[in-house]
Amino acid sequence: MSKKTIQIGLLFALLIMPLISVTAKEETLGDLRKKYEALLQEQRDNEAKSEAAKKEAEAKERAKQAAEEKLTQAKKDEADAQAKIDESNVKIEELKQKAENTLKYLQQIKSQNAYVEYVSSASTMTDLINRIAGIEFITKSIQETLKSLEEEIKVNEKLKLELQEKQKALDSEIKNYQASIQKIHENIEEYDKFALGLPQKIQVAKDLYEAEKKTCQDTIGKTSDDVVISTCTNTQIPHNSGWLKPLNRGVITSEIGSRWGDYHNALDIGGNAEGTPIYAAAAGKVTGKISRYRCGGNMLYIDVVVGGQTYTTYYYHLLKFNVNVGDIVTQSTIIGWVGGGSTSTANGGYDGCTFGAHLHFGVARGRFTGTISRSNVITPPGFPNQYGWRFNSRTDYYG
């Protein structure tokens, strides 16, 4: 082999290697099975988190109740301290009045020489000493009682301040417990909401895996994990050159975007009675089917390829389904019928996110993964994101 031939061969290898390395790995039955099993594990993990969070909330609730009991006792103690202060103040006022009257009397008898007469009229020296001491004792006793009561008030005032500080600390402790408990309950709610969604995600993953497995069994007679799904006959998503409307006519009754404090991820199309046929907006493969969900009711997901790009199309509030997961649909396939009226919880149904007959129709970039990401949502081609816009045929195109 010549040197020139070797160089050409190496150059050719270098040129094709990047192309080989970036070729996307095709999805296998094993990939679908693993996704299904991962969702099952996620559900188990979330149930464990929810249970742990509930126990933590219960413990903090008990601690909060204990703090509230301490606060109640502290408030009672403060009231008792205030009552003692008030009682001491009354005693002081009474004693002050008594002292004032005593001093007035002593002053009076001294000015009238009654004091001298009272002292000098003593029969003995002992009696004289006793009389002088008695007057001094009365005066001193009043002074000491006043001082004692003032000290008692100081002690109770200090206790009152300490109890007030204790109450502040307990109030803060209770608020912290409450905030912590609220956060835990929010987390529990988040886990529970996610767990409520997981059964549907698990069902979607299970349905798709079983549908693809059956197709591969029927067409190539193999169902091992390494089977590439695209090699099974009738599993390829058909390509479309354009879009059609999912209904023969309708009017946009709600746009994509923020609505009632939440995000609305599709166009609501009204103007049709319940039971009106719904068509696939583009040919594709049914990849998800959720029945009687609390918000959305009967929900259908179809993966489509339009202009070489892959999209998820989704249809909510269906009265009934007319297709199953794994089915290949065309643009003339009736996939279901308009619901949202009798299915609404307002009318005794199961769907809490509808108040009348309409179709919730959306398009998102990429394949359906079990979640519609807000960042992937687009305005369905051929529609304006505009309330009140009407169309009168499936071929009406805006823009």
Protein backbone atom coordinates (compact mmCIF):
# COMPACT_ATOMS: atom_id res chain seq x y z
CA MET A 1 0.00 0.00 0.00
CA SER A 2 1.41 3.36 -1.00
CA LYS A 3 2.11 6.19 1.44
CA LYS A 4 -0.38 8.37 -0.46
CA THR A 5 -3.12 5.75 -0.07
CA ILE A 6 -2.49 5.55 3.71
CA GLN A 7 -2.67 9.38 4.03
CA ILE A 8 -5.97 9.49 2.15
CA GLY A 9 -7.33 6.72 4.38
CA LEU A 10 -6.31 8.57 7.57
CA LEU A 11 -7.83 11.81 6.28
CA PHE A 12 -11.11 10.02 5.49
CA ALA A 13 -11.14 8.47 8.99
CA LEU A 14 -10.59 11.86 10.63
CA LEU A 15 -13.44 13.35 8.59
CA ILE A 16 -16.02 10.70 9.47
CA MET A 17 -15.05 10.17 13.16
CA PRO A 18 -16.76 13.35 14.45
CA LEU A 19 -19.90 12.39 12.55
CA ILE A 20 -19.94 8.96 14.18
CA SER A 21 -19.23 10.35 17.67
CA VAL A 22 -22.12 12.83 17.67
CA THR A 23 -24.71 10.38 16.32
CA ALA A 24 -27.52 10.29 18.89
CA LYS A 25 -28.11 6.99 20.64
CA GLU A 26 -31.41 5.56 19.50
CA GLU A 27 -33.96 4.75 22.20
CA THR A 28 -34.30 1.10 23.17
CA LEU A 29 -36.93 -0.89 25.03
CA GLY A 30 -34.44 -0.99 27.91
CA ASP A 31 -34.43 2.82 28.05
CA LEU A 32 -38.22 2.85 28.41
CA ARG A 33 -38.15 0.14 31.07
CA LYS A 34 -35.49 1.99 33.08
CA LYS A 35 -37.47 5.22 32.91
CA TYR A 36 -40.54 3.41 34.22
CA GLU A 37 -38.56 1.81 37.07
CA ALA A 38 -36.88 5.14 37.94
CA LEU A 39 -40.30 6.76 38.33
CA LEU A 40 -41.42 3.94 40.61
CA GLN A 41 -38.32 4.50 42.76
CA GLU A 42 -38.96 8.25 42.76
CA GLN A 43 -42.47 7.61 44.06
CA ARG A 44 -41.11 5.43 46.87
CA ASP A 45 -38.51 8.08 47.77
CA ASN A 46 -41.12 10.85 47.85
CA GLU A 47 -43.41 8.77 50.05
CA ALA A 48 -40.51 8.29 52.49
CA LYS A 49 -39.73 12.04 52.42
CA SER A 50 -43.35 12.87 53.03
CA GLU A 51 -43.54 10.49 56.00
CA ALA A 52 -40.32 11.87 57.52
CA ALA A 53 -41.54 15.43 57.05
CA LYS A 54 -44.85 14.63 58.74
CA LYS A 55 -43.01 13.19 61.77
CA GLU A 56 -40.78 16.26 61.95
CA ALA A 57 -43.84 18.51 61.78
CA GLU A 58 -45.51 16.55 64.58
CA ALA A 59 -42.39 16.90 66.79
CA LYS A 60 -42.21 20.64 66.15
CA GLU A 61 -45.94 20.95 66.79
CA ARG A 62 -45.44 19.33 70.20
CA ALA A 63 -42.54 21.69 70.93
CA LYS A 64 -44.67 24.65 69.87
CA GLN A 65 -47.49 23.55 72.18
CA ALA A 66 -45.00 23.25 75.07
CA ALA A 67 -43.75 26.78 74.33
CA GLU A 68 -47.33 28.04 74.20
CA GLU A 69 -47.99 26.46 77.62
CA LYS A 70 -44.87 28.19 78.98
CA LEU A 71 -46.06 31.45 77.48
CA THR A 72 -49.47 31.04 79.11
CA GLN A 73 -47.78 30.42 82.49
CA ALA A 74 -45.45 33.39 81.97
CA LYS A 75 -48.42 35.64 81.26
CA LYS A 76 -50.13 34.32 84.43
CA ASP A 77 -46.95 34.91 86.44
CA GLU A 78 -46.71 38.44 85.03
CA ALA A 79 -50.32 39.07 86.03
CA ASP A 80 -49.56 37.74 89.54
CA ALA A 81 -46.50 39.97 89.78
CA GLN A 82 -48.57 42.96 88.66
CA ALA A 83 -51.22 42.09 91.25
CA LYS A 84 -48.54 42.01 93.95
CA ILE A 85 -47.18 45.34 92.75
CA ASP A 86 -50.67 46.81 92.84
CA GLU A 87 -51.24 45.33 96.32
CA SER A 88 -47.95 46.76 97.60
CA ASN A 89 -48.80 50.16 96.13
CA VAL A 90 -52.15 50.10 97.96
CA LYS A 91 -50.40 49.17 101.21
CA ILE A 92 -47.86 51.94 100.67
CA GLU A 93 -50.61 54.46 100.09
CA GLU A 94 -52.40 53.26 103.22
CA LEU A 95 -49.17 53.33 105.24
CA LYS A 96 -48.27 56.73 103.90
CA GLN A 97 -51.66 57.99 104.99
CA LYS A 98 -51.20 56.35 108.40
CA ALA A 99 -47.69 57.78 108.74
CA GLU A 100 -48.91 61.18 107.69
CA ASN A 101 -51.66 61.07 110.32
CA THR A 102 -49.18 59.84 112.98
CA LEU A 103 -46.66 62.55 112.17
CA LYS A 104 -49.38 65.18 112.20
CA TYR A 105 -50.47 63.92 115.62
CA LEU A 106 -46.91 63.92 116.95
CA GLN A 107 -46.34 67.38 115.55
CA GLN A 108 -49.58 68.52 117.11
CA ILE A 109 -48.89 67.16 120.55
CA LYS A 110 -45.35 68.53 120.44
CA SER A 111 -46.56 71.99 119.55
CA GLN A 112 -49.12 71.83 122.33
CA ASN A 113 -46.55 70.50 124.81
CA ALA A 114 -48.67 67.37 124.99
CA TYR A 115 -45.61 65.37 123.98
CA VAL A 116 -43.63 66.92 126.87
CA GLU A 117 -46.55 66.33 129.21
CA TYR A 118 -46.91 62.72 128.00
CA VAL A 119 -43.22 62.08 128.54
CA SER A 120 -42.83 63.99 131.79
CA SER A 121 -45.89 62.40 133.34
CA ALA A 122 -44.06 59.09 133.47
CA SER A 123 -44.15 57.70 137.01
CA THR A 124 -40.79 56.02 136.82
CA MET A 125 -37.64 56.23 134.76
CA THR A 126 -38.54 52.93 133.13
CA ASP A 127 -41.94 54.28 132.18
CA LEU A 128 -40.27 57.42 130.77
CA ILE A 129 -37.90 55.37 128.63
CA ASN A 130 -40.74 53.17 127.46
CA ARG A 131 -42.85 56.17 126.46
CA ILE A 132 -40.03 57.78 124.45
CA ALA A 133 -39.13 54.42 122.92
CA GLY A 134 -42.75 53.78 122.00
CA ILE A 135 -43.02 56.99 120.01
CA GLU A 136 -39.69 56.29 118.30
CA PHE A 137 -40.79 52.70 117.59
CA ILE A 138 -43.97 53.86 115.89
CA THR A 139 -42.03 56.25 113.68
CA LYS A 140 -39.28 53.74 112.93
CA SER A 141 -41.78 50.96 112.24
CA ILE A 142 -43.59 53.09 109.70
CA GLN A 143 -40.31 53.96 108.01
CA GLU A 144 -39.15 50.33 107.92
CA THR A 145 -42.48 49.09 106.57
CA LEU A 146 -42.38 51.71 103.85
CA LYS A 147 -38.85 50.69 102.96
CA SER A 148 -39.84 47.00 102.92
CA LEU A 149 -42.79 47.66 100.65
CA GLU A 150 -40.66 49.76 98.30
CA GLU A 151 -38.13 46.91 98.11
CA GLU A 152 -40.96 44.46 97.45
CA ILE A 153 -42.19 46.66 94.59
CA LYS A 154 -38.66 46.78 93.13
CA VAL A 155 -38.44 42.97 93.25
CA ASN A 156 -41.85 42.57 91.60
CA GLU A 157 -41.08 45.22 89.00
CA LYS A 158 -37.88 43.35 88.16
CA LEU A 159 -39.80 40.05 88.02
CA LYS A 160 -42.39 41.67 85.76
CA LEU A 161 -39.67 42.86 83.35
CA GLU A 162 -38.05 39.41 83.38
CA LEU A 163 -41.42 37.81 82.65
CA GLN A 164 -42.03 40.25 79.81
CA GLU A 165 -38.64 39.38 78.32
CA LYS A 166 -39.47 35.69 78.77
CA GLN A 167 -42.73 36.23 76.91
CA LYS A 168 -40.92 37.95 74.05
CA ALA A 169 -38.50 35.03 73.83
CA LEU A 170 -41.36 32.53 73.91
CA ASP A 171 -43.30 34.51 71.30
CA SER A 172 -40.25 34.44 69.05
CA GLU A 173 -39.77 30.72 69.72
CA ILE A 174 -43.41 30.00 68.85
CA LYS A 175 -43.17 32.06 65.65
CA ASN A 176 -40.03 30.16 64.65
CA TYR A 177 -41.77 26.86 65.32
CA GLN A 178 -44.78 28.02 63.34
CA ALA A 179 -42.63 29.13 60.38
CA SER A 180 -40.74 25.84 60.50
CA ILE A 181 -43.96 23.82 60.67
CA GLN A 182 -45.43 25.86 57.79
CA LYS A 183 -42.34 25.19 55.69
CA ILE A 184 -42.54 21.48 56.45
CA HIS A 185 -46.22 21.41 55.49
CA GLU A 186 -45.37 23.23 52.26
CA ASN A 187 -42.76 20.57 51.56
CA ILE A 188 -45.23 17.82 52.45
CA GLU A 189 -47.74 19.44 50.11
CA GLU A 190 -45.08 19.63 47.40
CA TYR A 191 -44.17 15.97 47.90
CA ASP A 192 -47.83 14.98 47.92
CA LYS A 193 -48.60 17.01 44.80
CA PHE A 194 -45.62 15.48 43.05
CA ALA A 195 -46.61 12.04 44.32
CA LEU A 196 -50.11 12.60 42.96
CA GLY A 197 -48.50 13.36 39.62
CA LEU A 198 -46.16 10.38 39.79
CA PRO A 199 -48.86 7.72 39.43
CA GLN A 200 -49.87 9.36 36.15
CA LYS A 201 -46.22 9.63 35.03
CA ILE A 202 -45.68 6.00 35.97
CA GLN A 203 -48.79 4.99 34.04
CA VAL A 204 -47.60 6.94 30.98
CA ALA A 205 -44.15 5.30 31.13
CA LYS A 206 -45.66 1.84 31.68
CA ASP A 207 -48.20 2.25 28.86
CA LEU A 208 -45.56 3.42 26.38
CA TYR A 209 -43.12 0.65 27.33
CA GLU A 210 -45.78 -2.05 27.02
CA ALA A 211 -47.12 -0.63 23.73
CA GLU A 212 -43.65 -0.48 22.14
CA LYS A 213 -42.78 -3.92 23.53
CA LYS A 214 -45.94 -5.41 21.99
CA THR A 215 -45.25 -3.76 18.63
CA CYS A 216 -41.69 -5.13 18.59
CA GLN A 217 -42.98 -8.57 19.56
CA ASP A 218 -45.59 -8.48 16.80
CA THR A 219 -43.30 -7.13 14.08
CA ILE A 220 -39.79 -8.50 14.69
CA GLY A 221 -40.45 -11.08 17.40
CA LYS A 222 -37.97 -9.57 19.88
CA THR A 223 -38.50 -7.72 23.20
CA SER A 224 -35.04 -7.66 24.80
CA ASP A 225 -33.72 -4.42 26.33
CA ASP A 226 -31.26 -3.86 23.48
CA VAL A 227 -33.98 -3.71 20.81
CA VAL A 228 -33.89 -0.29 19.11
CA ILE A 229 -37.49 0.90 18.96
CA SER A 230 -37.17 2.48 15.52
CA THR A 231 -36.32 -0.93 14.03
CA CYS A 232 -39.80 -2.23 14.91
CA THR A 233 -42.33 -1.78 12.09
CA ASN A 234 -45.05 0.85 12.66
CA THR A 235 -43.11 2.61 15.45
CA GLN A 236 -41.66 5.46 13.42
CA ILE A 237 -43.24 8.89 14.02
CA PRO A 238 -44.48 10.09 10.62
CA HIS A 239 -43.20 13.40 9.25
CA ASN A 240 -45.51 16.34 8.49
CA SER A 241 -45.03 19.25 6.15
CA GLY A 242 -47.43 21.49 8.08
CA TRP A 243 -50.13 21.85 10.75
CA LEU A 244 -53.92 21.70 10.79
CA LYS A 245 -56.35 22.91 13.43
CA PRO A 246 -57.51 20.25 15.91
CA LEU A 247 -61.14 21.36 15.42
CA ASN A 248 -63.23 22.41 12.43
CA ARG A 249 -64.01 25.75 14.06
CA GLY A 250 -63.56 27.56 17.35
CA VAL A 251 -62.58 30.70 19.23
CA ILE A 252 -59.67 31.31 21.62
CA THR A 253 -61.14 31.80 25.08
CA SER A 254 -57.88 31.83 27.05
CA GLU A 255 -54.29 32.60 26.06
CA ILE A 256 -50.92 31.10 26.96
CA GLY A 257 -49.26 32.82 29.93
CA SER A 258 -49.99 33.93 33.48
CA ARG A 259 -53.60 33.44 34.50
CA TRP A 260 -55.21 33.68 37.94
CA GLY A 261 -51.81 33.59 39.65
CA ASP A 262 -50.67 30.51 37.71
CA TYR A 263 -49.23 29.63 34.30
CA HIS A 264 -51.58 28.51 31.52
CA ASN A 265 -49.53 26.35 29.15
CA ALA A 266 -51.91 26.16 26.17
CA LEU A 267 -54.72 27.84 24.24
CA ASP A 268 -58.27 27.21 25.33
CA ILE A 269 -60.53 26.77 22.31
CA GLY A 270 -64.25 27.24 22.91
CA GLY A 271 -67.30 27.64 20.71
CA ASN A 272 -67.98 23.91 20.37
CA ALA A 273 -70.52 21.73 22.13
CA GLU A 274 -69.42 18.83 24.29
CA GLY A 275 -68.94 15.78 22.07
CA THR A 276 -67.47 17.69 19.11
CA PRO A 277 -64.75 15.57 17.36
CA ILE A 278 -61.09 16.49 17.98
CA TYR A 279 -58.47 15.70 15.33
CA ALA A 280 -54.70 15.34 15.54
CA ALA A 281 -53.15 18.68 14.56
CA ALA A 282 -50.27 16.72 13.03
CA ALA A 283 -49.67 13.04 12.31
CA GLY A 284 -47.69 11.33 15.06
CA LYS A 285 -47.51 8.70 17.77
CA VAL A 286 -49.68 8.68 20.92
CA THR A 287 -47.15 8.73 23.78
CA GLY A 288 -49.32 9.55 26.79
CA LYS A 289 -52.87 9.08 27.94
CA ILE A 290 -54.09 10.15 31.39
CA SER A 291 -57.66 9.51 32.52
CA ARG A 292 -59.78 11.63 34.87
CA TYR A 293 -56.93 13.73 36.25
CA ARG A 294 -57.93 16.26 38.93
CA CYS A 295 -56.81 19.17 36.73
CA GLY A 296 -57.15 18.47 33.01
CA GLY A 297 -59.46 15.49 33.16
CA ASN A 298 -58.81 13.17 30.22
CA MET A 299 -55.45 14.22 28.78
CA LEU A 300 -53.75 13.03 25.59
CA TYR A 301 -50.14 13.51 24.40
CA ILE A 302 -48.98 12.93 20.82
CA ASP A 303 -45.38 13.24 19.61
CA VAL A 304 -45.15 14.72 16.13
CA VAL A 305 -42.43 15.73 13.66
CA VAL A 306 -43.15 18.83 11.59
CA GLY A 307 -40.55 20.37 9.26
CA GLY A 308 -37.91 18.06 10.71
CA GLN A 309 -38.55 19.25 14.29
CA THR A 310 -40.03 17.10 17.07
CA TYR A 311 -42.88 18.46 19.18
CA THR A 312 -45.28 17.28 21.86
CA THR A 313 -48.91 18.13 21.18
CA TYR A 314 -51.32 17.87 24.10
CA TYR A 315 -55.09 17.90 24.37
CA TYR A 316 -56.90 18.25 27.75
CA HIS A 317 -60.51 18.07 29.01
CA LEU A 318 -61.52 15.34 26.54
CA LEU A 319 -64.95 13.81 27.01
CA LYS A 320 -63.63 10.45 25.74
CA PHE A 321 -60.52 9.01 24.06
CA ASN A 322 -60.55 7.41 20.63
CA VAL A 323 -56.90 6.27 20.54
CA ASN A 324 -54.43 4.36 22.70
CA VAL A 325 -50.77 4.77 23.63
CA GLY A 326 -48.53 3.55 20.82
CA ASP A 327 -51.09 4.27 18.08
CA ILE A 328 -49.89 6.08 14.97
CA VAL A 329 -52.40 8.80 14.06
CA THR A 330 -52.87 10.94 10.97
CA GLN A 331 -54.26 14.44 10.67
CA SER A 332 -57.66 12.96 9.83
CA THR A 333 -57.75 10.71 12.92
CA ILE A 334 -60.42 11.58 15.49
CA ILE A 335 -58.41 11.29 18.70
CA GLY A 336 -61.28 12.13 21.06
CA TRP A 337 -64.22 14.44 21.72
CA VAL A 338 -64.57 17.83 23.41
CA GLY A 339 -65.40 17.66 27.12
CA GLY A 340 -65.07 20.12 30.00
CA GLY A 341 -68.78 20.58 30.67
CA SER A 342 -70.21 17.47 32.27
CA THR A 343 -66.67 16.48 33.36
CA SER A 344 -66.23 19.65 35.45
CA THR A 345 -66.34 19.38 39.25
CA ALA A 346 -68.75 22.33 39.14
CA ASN A 347 -71.17 19.97 37.38
CA GLY A 348 -70.46 16.93 39.52
CA GLY A 349 -67.53 15.66 37.43
CA TYR A 350 -63.85 15.01 38.23
CA ASP A 351 -62.02 17.88 36.46
CA GLY A 352 -61.38 20.87 38.73
CA CYS A 353 -59.80 23.06 36.03
CA THR A 354 -62.73 23.61 33.67
CA PHE A 355 -66.08 25.38 33.88
CA GLY A 356 -67.49 24.64 30.43
CA ALA A 357 -66.98 22.71 27.22
CA HIS A 358 -63.66 23.55 25.51
CA LEU A 359 -60.36 22.08 24.32
CA HIS A 360 -57.06 22.90 26.02
CA PHE A 361 -54.61 22.59 23.11
CA GLY A 362 -50.85 23.05 23.43
CA VAL A 363 -47.55 22.48 21.64
CA ALA A 364 -44.11 22.12 23.25
CA ARG A 365 -40.68 21.58 21.69
CA GLY A 366 -39.25 18.06 22.08
CA ARG A 367 -40.69 14.65 22.85
CA PHE A 368 -43.12 14.02 25.69
CA THR A 369 -41.18 13.10 28.83
CA GLY A 370 -44.05 13.06 31.31
CA THR A 371 -43.78 16.78 32.06
CA ILE A 372 -44.55 19.85 29.95
CA SER A 373 -41.73 22.30 30.63
CA ARG A 374 -42.78 25.95 30.51
CA SER A 375 -39.55 26.85 28.68
CA ASN A 376 -40.50 24.51 25.82
CA VAL A 377 -44.07 25.71 25.36
CA ILE A 378 -44.76 27.59 22.11
CA THR A 379 -47.86 29.15 20.60
CA PRO A 380 -49.37 26.43 18.38
CA PRO A 381 -48.37 27.20 14.78
CA GLY A 382 -51.19 28.79 12.80
CA PHE A 383 -52.68 30.42 15.91
CA PRO A 384 -52.19 33.85 17.45
CA ASN A 385 -51.86 33.97 21.23
CA GLN A 386 -54.90 36.24 21.18
CA TYR A 387 -58.16 36.07 23.06
CA GLY A 388 -61.23 36.13 20.77
CA TRP A 389 -59.47 34.98 17.59
CA ARG A 390 -61.78 32.73 15.54
CA PHE A 391 -61.18 30.10 12.87
CA ASN A 392 -63.78 28.45 10.65
CA SER A 393 -61.87 25.55 9.12
CA ARG A 394 -58.94 23.31 9.95
CA THR A 395 -56.85 25.04 7.28
CA ASP A 396 -57.33 28.61 8.59
CA TYR A 397 -53.81 29.84 9.23
CA TYR A 398 -52.78 32.95 11.15
CA GLY A 399 -49.66 34.88 10.31
